[in-house]
Structures are given as C-alpha cells and as structure tokens.
Amino acid sequence: MLFLAVFCGFLAEYQLEHKIERDREKQFIRSLVEDISEDTITLAQTSASLYANVQRMDSLKYLLFSEDIKNHGADLYYLGRRASRSDWLTLHDRTIQQMKNSGGFRLIRNQKVSNAILEYYNQLGFIEKLQTIELDETMEYRKMAVGIFHPETFGNLVTKENQVIKPDGNPPLQTYDKQALLRLAGFVSYCQNSRLALAKAEDEMNVTAKELIRLLKKEYHLK
C-alpha cells in the first residue's frame, strides 16, 4: 500500500510537471507568434524603404552623368544626402532570446515546428551579413561624397526631426570633375545593389514569417 501511494504520488507529480511544460511551451509559441507578426510589419516597411532608396539612387546616378548637371544642384544634394542613409532592419527577438537563455527551446517537442523556427531566424543571419556589407559600402560612399558636396550645405539638409529636405536654389557642387563624379557614381551603384539584395532578402523572410505563423497557429490550435 505504501509503495502504491508513493507510486501514485510520483505519477501525479509527473503529470503536473508535464502539464506545466506543455503550458510553458504553448505560452512561448503564443508569444513567438506575436513577435513574428510584428516582424512582418517591420520587414514590409524596411523593404519598401529600401526599394524607394534604390529608385532614388537611380535618379542620383542619372544626374551625375547628366550633361546639364550644374542645373540640378538641389536635386543632387537631396539625393546625395539620402543616399548616405541606410535602412537597418531590427526584428523582435524578445521571445526567441528568452527561449535560448532559459532553455525553453527544449520544450518545443514538434520537430517540424522547431525546424521552421530555426529556418526563419537563420534568414536573419544572412540579412545581417548583407547589412554589414552595405554599411561598409555606405561608409566608403560618405568618404567620397564629402569631396563632391559642400559639407555646410549637406549639414543644413537634415531637420530637427532627422528628416532630409531639399535645399533652396541651385547650390553648386565642390567639383564637376568627370572622373570624381564617375567614381562617386560607382559607389552609388555598389550601395544600390546591396540595398536591392537586402530588400529581396527581406521580402523572402517576410514570406517565411507568414508561413511560420500559419504553421504555429495550426500546430498549437491558436486563433
């Protein structure tokens, strides 16, 4: 009788512990869905901003090659200043970091779900590598731009709200040397290609995010 009582107590404790772990797993998943849902918004916004950035850089290159470049000072300064800005992606990793730090990832018993979560966050690693490349290229562009655009005019284009505005009139460049302008256009192309690659990678990650949300909701019966 004593053995049976101890055994039953052990079973009850095991069932309780098992239930607590299932509840924690579902709570992690519910929180993860919230994070990834916010990610889809951020990914869409950053991607759209990158595509707009790429289009502006097309316009900048066109003006740098233009025969009447001296008549487009305001546009050149505006586009040149905007080109120096990167669109950095920051996702919501609160839940996944908590799961890693607390050992909560072991609670995910569904291998299909576990693999899908890892696949999603692995895409972020690729994007971060692209961002590092793009940042290095942007820094090189900035170094070259200070020799083309007047720094005082450049500085006056940024408002207190950190927005870039177009200057009045037709401010001149520091130089119209064709080789210098050609080199600047070359770095614009490098930055443009990297930002286009980033935009496409973020579009792909957004698709993966939406598929992951559908999978998590289905497997864990979430609304």
Protein backbone atom coordinates (compact mmCIF):
# COMPACT_ATOMS: atom_id res chain seq x y z
CA MET A 1 0.00 0.00 0.00
CA LEU A 2 2.84 2.35 0.86
CA PHE A 3 4.52 1.56 -2.46
CA LEU A 4 1.27 2.19 -4.34
CA ALA A 5 0.77 5.51 -2.59
CA VAL A 6 4.32 6.61 -3.41
CA PHE A 7 3.93 5.47 -7.00
CA CYS A 8 0.63 7.31 -7.40
CA GLY A 9 2.20 10.40 -5.92
CA PHE A 10 5.06 10.11 -8.39
CA LEU A 11 2.61 9.81 -11.30
CA ALA A 12 0.63 12.81 -10.12
CA GLU A 13 3.81 14.87 -9.81
CA TYR A 14 4.96 13.72 -13.24
CA GLN A 15 1.62 14.62 -14.82
CA LEU A 16 1.68 18.03 -13.16
CA GLU A 17 5.22 18.72 -14.35
CA HIS A 18 4.30 17.55 -17.84
CA LYS A 19 1.27 19.86 -17.88
CA ILE A 20 3.36 22.80 -16.69
CA GLU A 21 5.85 22.19 -19.51
CA ARG A 22 3.05 21.96 -22.10
CA ASP A 23 1.58 25.20 -20.81
CA ARG A 24 5.01 26.90 -20.96
CA GLU A 25 5.54 25.59 -24.50
CA LYS A 26 2.22 26.99 -25.67
CA GLN A 27 2.92 30.30 -23.96
CA PHE A 28 6.29 30.54 -25.70
CA ILE A 29 4.63 29.80 -29.05
CA ARG A 30 1.89 32.35 -28.48
CA SER A 31 4.48 34.99 -27.61
CA LEU A 32 6.58 33.96 -30.62
CA VAL A 33 3.59 34.42 -32.93
CA GLU A 34 3.15 37.94 -31.57
CA ASP A 35 6.82 38.74 -32.22
CA ILE A 36 6.81 37.33 -35.75
CA SER A 37 3.55 39.12 -36.57
CA GLU A 38 5.28 42.39 -35.65
CA ASP A 39 8.27 41.27 -37.73
CA THR A 40 6.08 41.02 -40.85
CA ILE A 41 5.17 44.70 -40.48
CA THR A 42 8.78 45.74 -39.89
CA LEU A 43 10.05 43.64 -42.80
CA ALA A 44 7.46 45.12 -45.18
CA GLN A 45 8.25 48.69 -44.10
CA THR A 46 12.03 48.29 -44.30
CA SER A 47 11.83 46.50 -47.64
CA ALA A 48 9.61 49.23 -49.11
CA SER A 49 12.03 51.88 -47.84
CA LEU A 50 14.95 50.04 -49.44
CA TYR A 51 13.18 49.83 -52.82
CA ALA A 52 12.47 53.57 -52.65
CA ASN A 53 16.12 54.12 -51.77
CA VAL A 54 17.20 52.12 -54.81
CA GLN A 55 14.98 54.22 -57.09
CA ARG A 56 16.40 57.47 -55.68
CA MET A 57 19.92 56.19 -56.32
CA ASP A 58 18.98 55.56 -59.95
CA SER A 59 17.99 59.22 -60.16
CA LEU A 60 21.23 60.28 -58.48
CA LYS A 61 23.35 58.33 -60.97
CA TYR A 62 21.39 59.79 -63.88
CA LEU A 63 22.08 63.34 -62.66
CA LEU A 64 25.76 62.61 -62.01
CA PHE A 65 26.07 61.57 -65.68
CA SER A 66 23.89 64.41 -66.97
CA GLU A 67 25.35 66.99 -69.36
CA ASP A 68 23.44 69.77 -67.58
CA ILE A 69 24.45 68.62 -64.11
CA LYS A 70 25.07 72.21 -62.99
CA ASN A 71 21.34 72.96 -63.31
CA HIS A 72 20.30 70.24 -60.81
CA GLY A 73 22.09 71.28 -57.64
CA ALA A 74 19.07 70.99 -55.33
CA ASP A 75 18.17 67.50 -56.55
CA LEU A 76 21.79 66.34 -56.38
CA TYR A 77 22.20 67.50 -52.79
CA TYR A 78 18.90 65.97 -51.72
CA LEU A 79 19.53 62.63 -53.42
CA GLY A 80 23.18 62.60 -52.38
CA ARG A 81 22.25 63.13 -48.74
CA ARG A 82 19.54 60.48 -48.81
CA ALA A 83 21.94 58.01 -50.40
CA SER A 84 24.16 58.20 -47.32
CA ARG A 85 21.40 56.76 -45.14
CA SER A 86 20.90 53.05 -44.58
CA ASP A 87 17.66 51.25 -43.74
CA TRP A 88 18.71 48.99 -40.86
CA LEU A 89 16.46 46.06 -40.00
CA THR A 90 15.75 45.33 -36.34
CA LEU A 91 13.36 42.48 -35.60
CA HIS A 92 11.51 41.49 -32.43
CA ASP A 93 13.61 38.73 -30.87
CA ARG A 94 12.44 39.04 -27.25
CA THR A 95 10.82 35.60 -27.14
CA ILE A 96 13.46 33.64 -29.06
CA GLN A 97 16.22 35.14 -26.89
CA GLN A 98 14.28 34.24 -23.75
CA MET A 99 13.82 30.70 -25.04
CA LYS A 100 17.54 30.36 -25.75
CA ASN A 101 18.65 31.83 -22.43
CA SER A 102 16.19 29.87 -20.28
CA GLY A 103 16.45 26.57 -22.14
CA GLY A 104 12.87 26.99 -23.29
CA PHE A 105 13.69 25.76 -26.77
CA ARG A 106 13.87 22.19 -25.47
CA LEU A 107 10.14 22.46 -24.70
CA ILE A 108 9.35 22.52 -28.43
CA ARG A 109 8.58 18.84 -28.97
CA ASN A 110 7.26 19.24 -32.51
CA GLN A 111 10.30 18.74 -34.76
CA LYS A 112 8.57 20.32 -37.75
CA VAL A 113 7.90 23.47 -35.72
CA SER A 114 11.42 23.50 -34.28
CA ASN A 115 12.98 23.28 -37.75
CA ALA A 116 10.71 26.00 -39.12
CA ILE A 117 11.63 28.38 -36.28
CA LEU A 118 15.35 27.79 -36.84
CA GLU A 119 14.97 28.27 -40.59
CA TYR A 120 13.25 31.61 -40.03
CA TYR A 121 15.93 33.01 -37.71
CA ASN A 122 18.73 31.66 -39.91
CA GLN A 123 17.48 34.01 -42.63
CA LEU A 124 18.10 36.91 -40.27
CA GLY A 125 21.75 35.87 -40.07
CA PHE A 126 22.05 36.19 -43.85
CA ILE A 127 20.40 39.61 -43.80
CA GLU A 128 22.78 40.79 -41.07
CA LYS A 129 25.74 39.79 -43.27
CA LEU A 130 24.28 41.78 -46.17
CA GLN A 131 23.73 44.74 -43.85
CA THR A 132 27.39 44.66 -42.80
CA ILE A 133 28.50 44.72 -46.45
CA GLU A 134 26.07 47.52 -47.26
CA LEU A 135 27.22 49.55 -44.25
CA ASP A 136 30.87 49.27 -45.33
CA GLU A 137 29.94 50.44 -48.83
CA THR A 138 27.89 53.32 -47.45
CA MET A 139 30.84 54.46 -45.34
CA GLU A 140 33.04 54.50 -48.46
CA TYR A 141 30.37 56.49 -50.30
CA ARG A 142 30.27 59.04 -47.47
CA LYS A 143 34.05 59.47 -47.56
CA MET A 144 33.88 60.20 -51.28
CA ALA A 145 30.77 62.38 -51.05
CA VAL A 146 32.48 64.94 -48.79
CA GLY A 147 34.75 65.78 -51.70
CA ILE A 148 31.80 66.34 -54.06
CA PHE A 149 29.13 68.00 -51.91
CA HIS A 150 29.76 71.05 -49.74
CA PRO A 151 29.63 69.89 -46.10
CA GLU A 152 27.84 73.00 -44.86
CA THR A 153 25.03 72.60 -47.40
CA PHE A 154 24.88 68.88 -46.67
CA GLY A 155 24.54 69.54 -42.95
CA ASN A 156 21.70 72.01 -43.43
CA LEU A 157 19.55 69.42 -45.21
CA VAL A 158 18.71 67.50 -42.02
CA THR A 159 15.87 68.84 -39.86
CA LYS A 160 15.48 68.54 -36.09
CA GLU A 161 13.17 65.58 -36.78
CA ASN A 162 16.08 63.95 -38.63
CA GLN A 163 14.36 64.29 -41.99
CA VAL A 164 16.26 65.17 -45.19
CA ILE A 165 14.90 68.16 -47.09
CA LYS A 166 15.74 69.62 -50.49
CA PRO A 167 17.82 72.84 -50.37
CA ASP A 168 16.63 76.14 -51.83
CA GLY A 169 18.03 77.42 -55.06
CA ASN A 170 20.69 75.63 -57.05
CA PRO A 171 23.71 75.03 -54.77
CA PRO A 172 26.89 74.11 -56.66
CA LEU A 173 28.97 71.01 -56.10
CA GLN A 174 32.55 71.38 -54.91
CA THR A 175 33.77 69.83 -58.14
CA TYR A 176 32.40 68.83 -61.52
CA ASP A 177 35.42 66.73 -62.42
CA LYS A 178 34.07 63.87 -64.53
CA GLN A 179 36.40 61.26 -63.03
CA ALA A 180 35.44 62.24 -59.49
CA LEU A 181 31.75 62.12 -60.37
CA LEU A 182 32.23 58.78 -62.11
CA ARG A 183 33.88 57.29 -59.01
CA LEU A 184 31.06 58.56 -56.83
CA ALA A 185 28.50 57.03 -59.20
CA GLY A 186 30.39 53.75 -58.94
CA PHE A 187 29.98 53.68 -55.17
CA VAL A 188 26.34 54.62 -55.58
CA SER A 189 25.96 51.51 -57.74
CA TYR A 190 27.62 49.32 -55.10
CA CYS A 191 25.30 50.62 -52.38
CA GLN A 192 22.31 50.33 -54.71
CA ASN A 193 22.98 46.67 -55.50
CA SER A 194 23.47 45.81 -51.83
CA ARG A 195 20.25 47.55 -50.83
CA LEU A 196 18.36 45.78 -53.61
CA ALA A 197 19.72 42.44 -52.37
CA LEU A 198 18.64 43.38 -48.84
CA ALA A 199 15.14 44.30 -49.99
CA LYS A 200 14.74 40.96 -51.78
CA ALA A 201 16.11 39.00 -48.79
CA GLU A 202 13.67 40.80 -46.50
CA ASP A 203 10.78 40.02 -48.87
CA GLU A 204 11.75 36.34 -48.72
CA MET A 205 11.99 36.44 -44.93
CA ASN A 206 8.56 38.06 -44.77
CA VAL A 207 7.11 35.16 -46.77
CA THR A 208 8.79 32.71 -44.40
CA ALA A 209 7.44 34.65 -41.40
CA LYS A 210 3.85 34.41 -42.63
CA GLU A 211 4.22 30.70 -43.37
CA LEU A 212 5.67 30.15 -39.89
CA ILE A 213 2.78 31.99 -38.25
CA ARG A 214 0.28 29.78 -40.10
CA LEU A 215 2.20 26.66 -39.04
CA LEU A 216 2.39 27.68 -35.38
CA LYS A 217 -1.29 28.55 -35.22
CA LYS A 218 -2.24 25.26 -36.84
CA GLU A 219 0.01 23.02 -34.72
CA TYR A 220 -0.87 24.71 -31.43
CA HIS A 221 -4.52 25.47 -32.22
CA LEU A 222 -4.13 29.23 -31.81
CA LYS A 223 -6.62 31.75 -33.15
